[in-house]
């Protein structure tokens, strides 16, 4: 994954994380989003598998 492709995802996950921390109420799915944010920030080798899973999940929603 290139830096240009990862940056928008990092930005979105970062904003979501800040909003969750401010609300002081984190649910399980929110914890998953925070974990995804960490993976995209860390650029670990497992990112390719996780990015494929995220891309597949987002492809389930039709484009407007």
N, C-alpha and C. Protein backbone atom coordinates (compact mmCIF):
# COMPACT_ATOMS: atom_id res chain seq x y z
N UNK A 1 0.85 -1.17 0.00
CA UNK A 1 0.00 0.00 0.00
C UNK A 1 0.89 1.23 0.00
N UNK A 2 0.55 2.17 -0.85
CA UNK A 2 1.36 3.38 -0.93
C UNK A 2 0.95 4.36 0.17
N UNK A 3 1.80 5.32 0.38
CA UNK A 3 1.51 6.34 1.39
C UNK A 3 0.29 7.15 1.00
N UNK A 4 0.13 7.41 -0.29
CA UNK A 4 -1.03 8.17 -0.75
C UNK A 4 -2.34 7.42 -0.54
N UNK A 5 -2.31 6.11 -0.58
CA UNK A 5 -3.52 5.33 -0.36
C UNK A 5 -3.83 5.19 1.13
N UNK A 6 -2.81 5.13 1.97
CA UNK A 6 -3.01 4.93 3.40
C UNK A 6 -3.37 6.22 4.12
N UNK A 7 -2.94 7.36 3.62
CA UNK A 7 -3.14 8.62 4.34
C UNK A 7 -4.62 8.94 4.59
N UNK A 8 -5.52 8.84 3.60
CA UNK A 8 -6.93 9.13 3.89
C UNK A 8 -7.52 8.19 4.94
N UNK A 9 -7.14 6.93 4.91
CA UNK A 9 -7.64 5.99 5.91
C UNK A 9 -7.12 6.35 7.30
N UNK A 10 -5.87 6.72 7.39
CA UNK A 10 -5.29 7.13 8.68
C UNK A 10 -6.01 8.37 9.19
N UNK A 11 -6.30 9.29 8.32
CA UNK A 11 -6.98 10.52 8.72
C UNK A 11 -8.38 10.23 9.25
N UNK A 12 -9.14 9.41 8.53
CA UNK A 12 -10.50 9.07 8.97
C UNK A 12 -10.48 8.31 10.29
N UNK A 13 -9.62 7.28 10.40
CA UNK A 13 -9.55 6.52 11.64
C UNK A 13 -9.05 7.39 12.80
N UNK A 14 -8.19 8.34 12.53
CA UNK A 14 -7.71 9.24 13.57
C UNK A 14 -8.81 10.14 14.10
N UNK A 15 -9.62 10.69 13.20
CA UNK A 15 -10.75 11.54 13.62
C UNK A 15 -11.74 10.74 14.43
N UNK A 16 -12.05 9.52 13.98
CA UNK A 16 -12.98 8.67 14.72
C UNK A 16 -12.43 8.36 16.10
N UNK A 17 -11.15 8.08 16.21
CA UNK A 17 -10.54 7.78 17.50
C UNK A 17 -10.63 8.96 18.45
N UNK A 18 -10.33 10.15 17.96
CA UNK A 18 -10.41 11.35 18.80
C UNK A 18 -11.84 11.55 19.32
N UNK A 19 -12.82 11.38 18.45
CA UNK A 19 -14.21 11.54 18.87
C UNK A 19 -14.62 10.49 19.90
N UNK A 20 -14.14 9.27 19.74
CA UNK A 20 -14.46 8.22 20.70
C UNK A 20 -13.83 8.48 22.05
N UNK A 21 -12.60 8.94 22.04
CA UNK A 21 -11.93 9.22 23.31
C UNK A 21 -12.63 10.36 24.03
N UNK A 22 -13.07 11.35 23.30
CA UNK A 22 -13.76 12.48 23.92
C UNK A 22 -15.10 12.06 24.51
N UNK A 23 -15.77 11.10 23.91
CA UNK A 23 -17.08 10.66 24.41
C UNK A 23 -16.98 9.75 25.62
N UNK A 24 -15.79 9.17 25.85
CA UNK A 24 -15.52 8.28 26.99
C UNK A 24 -16.41 7.03 27.00
N UNK A 25 -16.84 6.61 25.83
CA UNK A 25 -17.66 5.42 25.74
C UNK A 25 -17.24 4.65 24.50
N UNK A 26 -16.49 3.57 24.70
CA UNK A 26 -15.96 2.80 23.57
C UNK A 26 -16.62 1.43 23.56
N UNK A 27 -17.28 1.09 22.46
CA UNK A 27 -17.91 -0.22 22.29
C UNK A 27 -16.97 -1.13 21.51
N UNK A 28 -17.38 -2.40 21.29
CA UNK A 28 -16.49 -3.37 20.65
C UNK A 28 -16.16 -2.96 19.21
N UNK A 29 -17.15 -2.49 18.46
CA UNK A 29 -16.89 -2.13 17.07
C UNK A 29 -16.02 -0.87 17.00
N UNK A 30 -16.13 -0.03 18.00
CA UNK A 30 -15.28 1.15 18.05
C UNK A 30 -13.84 0.76 18.36
N UNK A 31 -13.69 -0.25 19.20
CA UNK A 31 -12.35 -0.75 19.49
C UNK A 31 -11.72 -1.35 18.24
N UNK A 32 -12.53 -1.98 17.37
CA UNK A 32 -12.02 -2.50 16.10
C UNK A 32 -11.52 -1.36 15.22
N UNK A 33 -12.27 -0.26 15.18
CA UNK A 33 -11.83 0.89 14.39
C UNK A 33 -10.53 1.46 14.92
N UNK A 34 -10.38 1.52 16.24
CA UNK A 34 -9.14 2.00 16.82
C UNK A 34 -7.99 1.06 16.48
N UNK A 35 -8.26 -0.25 16.49
CA UNK A 35 -7.24 -1.22 16.10
C UNK A 35 -6.83 -1.06 14.64
N UNK A 36 -7.81 -0.83 13.77
CA UNK A 36 -7.50 -0.60 12.35
C UNK A 36 -6.65 0.66 12.18
N UNK A 37 -6.96 1.69 12.94
CA UNK A 37 -6.17 2.91 12.91
C UNK A 37 -4.72 2.60 13.27
N UNK A 38 -4.52 1.82 14.31
CA UNK A 38 -3.16 1.45 14.72
C UNK A 38 -2.42 0.66 13.66
N UNK A 39 -3.12 -0.24 12.99
CA UNK A 39 -2.48 -1.05 11.96
C UNK A 39 -2.07 -0.18 10.79
N UNK A 40 -2.95 0.74 10.37
CA UNK A 40 -2.61 1.61 9.26
C UNK A 40 -1.48 2.57 9.62
N UNK A 41 -1.45 3.04 10.86
CA UNK A 41 -0.36 3.92 11.29
C UNK A 41 0.95 3.14 11.34
N UNK A 42 0.91 1.94 11.89
CA UNK A 42 2.12 1.15 12.07
C UNK A 42 2.69 0.57 10.79
N UNK A 43 1.85 0.43 9.75
CA UNK A 43 2.28 -0.14 8.48
C UNK A 43 2.99 -1.49 8.70
N UNK A 44 2.39 -2.33 9.53
CA UNK A 44 2.96 -3.64 9.79
C UNK A 44 2.76 -4.54 8.57
N UNK A 45 3.49 -5.64 8.47
CA UNK A 45 3.33 -6.54 7.31
C UNK A 45 1.93 -7.13 7.17
N UNK A 46 1.19 -7.21 8.25
CA UNK A 46 -0.15 -7.77 8.20
C UNK A 46 -1.14 -6.79 7.55
N UNK A 47 -0.69 -5.59 7.26
CA UNK A 47 -1.58 -4.57 6.68
C UNK A 47 -2.16 -5.01 5.35
N UNK A 48 -1.43 -5.79 4.58
CA UNK A 48 -1.93 -6.21 3.27
C UNK A 48 -3.16 -7.10 3.41
N UNK A 49 -3.14 -8.00 4.39
CA UNK A 49 -4.30 -8.85 4.63
C UNK A 49 -5.47 -8.04 5.17
N UNK A 50 -5.18 -7.15 6.10
CA UNK A 50 -6.25 -6.34 6.71
C UNK A 50 -6.82 -5.37 5.68
N UNK A 51 -5.98 -4.79 4.85
CA UNK A 51 -6.47 -3.88 3.82
C UNK A 51 -7.38 -4.62 2.83
N UNK A 52 -7.02 -5.84 2.49
CA UNK A 52 -7.87 -6.64 1.62
C UNK A 52 -9.22 -6.90 2.24
N UNK A 53 -9.25 -7.18 3.55
CA UNK A 53 -10.50 -7.40 4.26
C UNK A 53 -11.33 -6.13 4.32
N UNK A 54 -10.71 -5.00 4.60
CA UNK A 54 -11.42 -3.72 4.64
C UNK A 54 -11.96 -3.37 3.26
N UNK A 55 -11.17 -3.56 2.22
CA UNK A 55 -11.62 -3.27 0.85
C UNK A 55 -12.80 -4.16 0.47
N UNK A 56 -12.75 -5.44 0.85
CA UNK A 56 -13.86 -6.35 0.56
C UNK A 56 -15.12 -5.89 1.28
N UNK A 57 -14.99 -5.52 2.56
CA UNK A 57 -16.14 -5.09 3.34
C UNK A 57 -16.76 -3.83 2.76
N UNK A 58 -15.92 -2.88 2.35
CA UNK A 58 -16.44 -1.64 1.78
C UNK A 58 -17.04 -1.85 0.40
N UNK A 59 -16.60 -2.90 -0.31
CA UNK A 59 -17.18 -3.18 -1.62
C UNK A 59 -18.60 -3.73 -1.53
N UNK A 60 -19.01 -4.14 -0.33
CA UNK A 60 -20.37 -4.63 -0.14
C UNK A 60 -21.41 -3.51 -0.24
N UNK A 61 -20.96 -2.27 0.00
CA UNK A 61 -21.85 -1.12 -0.07
C UNK A 61 -21.80 -0.53 -1.47
N UNK A 62 -22.97 -0.31 -2.07
CA UNK A 62 -22.98 0.23 -3.45
C UNK A 62 -22.47 1.66 -3.48
N UNK A 63 -21.79 2.00 -4.57
CA UNK A 63 -21.31 3.37 -4.75
C UNK A 63 -22.45 4.25 -5.20
N UNK A 64 -22.50 5.44 -4.69
CA UNK A 64 -23.57 6.38 -5.06
C UNK A 64 -23.16 7.23 -6.22
